[in-house]
Protein backbone atom coordinates (compact mmCIF):
# COMPACT_ATOMS: atom_id res chain seq x y z
CA UNK A 1 54.02 1.73 -96.77
CA UNK A 2 56.43 0.96 -93.63
CA UNK A 3 59.23 -1.20 -93.78
CA UNK A 4 60.11 -2.91 -90.73
CA UNK A 5 63.86 -3.62 -89.62
CA UNK A 6 64.73 -6.26 -87.31
CA UNK A 7 67.76 -5.74 -85.10
CA UNK A 8 69.61 -8.03 -83.68
CA UNK A 9 71.94 -8.67 -80.64
CA UNK A 10 74.62 -12.10 -80.33
CA UNK A 11 73.52 -12.92 -76.66
CA UNK A 12 70.43 -11.33 -74.99
CA UNK A 13 72.04 -8.79 -72.71
CA UNK A 14 71.38 -9.49 -69.10
CA UNK A 15 70.90 -6.17 -68.21
CA UNK A 16 68.67 -3.34 -70.15
CA UNK A 17 71.37 -1.88 -73.42
CA UNK A 18 70.18 1.22 -75.19
CA UNK A 19 70.89 2.26 -79.02
CA UNK A 20 70.22 5.72 -80.84
CA UNK A 21 68.69 4.30 -84.15
CA UNK A 22 68.41 7.12 -86.92
CA UNK A 23 68.27 7.39 -90.57
CA UNK A 24 71.58 9.10 -92.16
CA UNK A 25 71.04 11.47 -95.44
CA UNK A 26 74.44 8.94 -96.59
CA UNK A 27 72.09 7.21 -99.38
CA UNK A 28 70.81 7.93 -102.51
CA UNK A 29 66.99 8.30 -100.88
CA UNK A 30 65.72 12.45 -101.17
CA UNK A 31 64.62 12.48 -96.84
CA UNK A 32 60.45 12.96 -97.37
CA UNK A 33 60.48 12.29 -101.18
CA UNK A 34 61.17 8.68 -100.68
CA UNK A 35 61.28 8.07 -96.70
CA UNK A 36 60.69 9.62 -93.40
CA UNK A 37 62.88 9.89 -90.97
CA UNK A 38 63.34 8.30 -87.89
CA UNK A 39 65.42 8.94 -85.02
CA UNK A 40 64.58 6.58 -81.72
CA UNK A 41 66.22 5.44 -78.92
CA UNK A 42 66.13 1.35 -78.61
CA UNK A 43 66.10 -0.76 -76.07
CA UNK A 44 66.77 -4.66 -75.76
CA UNK A 45 65.74 -5.71 -72.25
CA UNK A 46 67.29 -8.27 -70.31
CA UNK A 47 66.67 -11.90 -72.41
CA UNK A 48 65.60 -9.92 -75.39
CA UNK A 49 67.46 -10.72 -78.50
CA UNK A 50 65.59 -8.72 -80.71
CA UNK A 51 64.14 -5.44 -81.34
CA UNK A 52 61.85 -4.25 -84.30
CA UNK A 53 62.19 -1.28 -86.13
CA UNK A 54 59.93 0.92 -88.13
CA UNK A 55 60.56 2.92 -91.49
CA UNK A 56 58.07 4.90 -93.23
CA UNK A 57 58.62 4.85 -97.05
CA UNK A 58 57.08 7.31 -99.58
CA UNK A 59 55.87 5.27 -102.64
CA UNK A 60 56.21 9.28 -104.56
CA UNK A 61 54.61 7.53 -107.91
CA UNK A 62 58.09 8.38 -109.80
CA UNK A 63 59.99 5.79 -111.95
CA UNK A 64 63.62 6.98 -110.11
CA UNK A 65 65.36 3.08 -109.88
CA UNK A 66 65.76 1.46 -106.47
CA UNK A 67 67.65 4.15 -104.35
CA UNK A 68 69.39 3.23 -100.37
CA UNK A 69 68.59 5.33 -97.06
CA UNK A 70 71.73 5.18 -93.91
CA UNK A 71 71.10 3.48 -91.01
CA UNK A 72 73.32 4.40 -88.37
CA UNK A 73 73.34 3.31 -84.23
CA UNK A 74 75.01 4.72 -82.09
CA UNK A 75 75.84 6.42 -78.03
CA UNK A 76 75.27 2.86 -76.44
CA UNK A 77 74.25 2.78 -72.88
CA UNK A 78 74.96 -0.46 -70.93
CA UNK A 79 77.47 -2.28 -73.42
CA UNK A 80 79.61 -1.75 -75.83
CA UNK A 81 78.83 -1.17 -80.20
CA UNK A 82 81.47 -2.62 -82.65
CA UNK A 83 81.91 -1.57 -86.34
CA UNK A 84 79.95 -1.16 -88.26
CA UNK A 85 77.77 0.37 -86.80
CA UNK A 86 75.93 2.21 -89.67
CA UNK A 87 73.95 0.13 -92.62
CA UNK A 88 72.17 0.74 -96.13
CA UNK A 89 68.64 0.11 -96.52
CA UNK A 90 67.38 -0.38 -100.31
CA UNK A 91 64.50 0.80 -100.87
CA UNK A 92 62.80 -1.26 -103.87
CA UNK A 93 61.41 1.34 -107.09
CA UNK A 94 57.86 0.01 -107.32
CA UNK A 95 57.37 1.94 -110.25
CA UNK A 96 59.54 0.75 -112.36
CA UNK A 97 57.19 -0.20 -115.78
CA UNK A 98 58.86 -3.17 -118.29
CA UNK A 99 59.31 -2.31 -121.98
CA UNK A 100 57.46 -4.86 -124.72
CA UNK A 101 60.28 -5.29 -126.90
């Protein structure tokens, strides 16, 4: 399963700008068990205000509750990178079962 994130800029740039995007271990999800790591360069071309990024999510069959994975932007080229430049993505546990009472 893939989770698509959309990154937005406040105003579309007049020139191309780039950021490094990557998943980090600053969350409760476990790399290669809950998700596959992503590292890529994101480019906003002139006039473009959003870019999609795909995060591969692994349905591991475990009932473990929701987990989180860190997302980071760094190394801006052609612009400044303001805080916050990181976020958490919550992976919803679709294997949780409801008990009958």
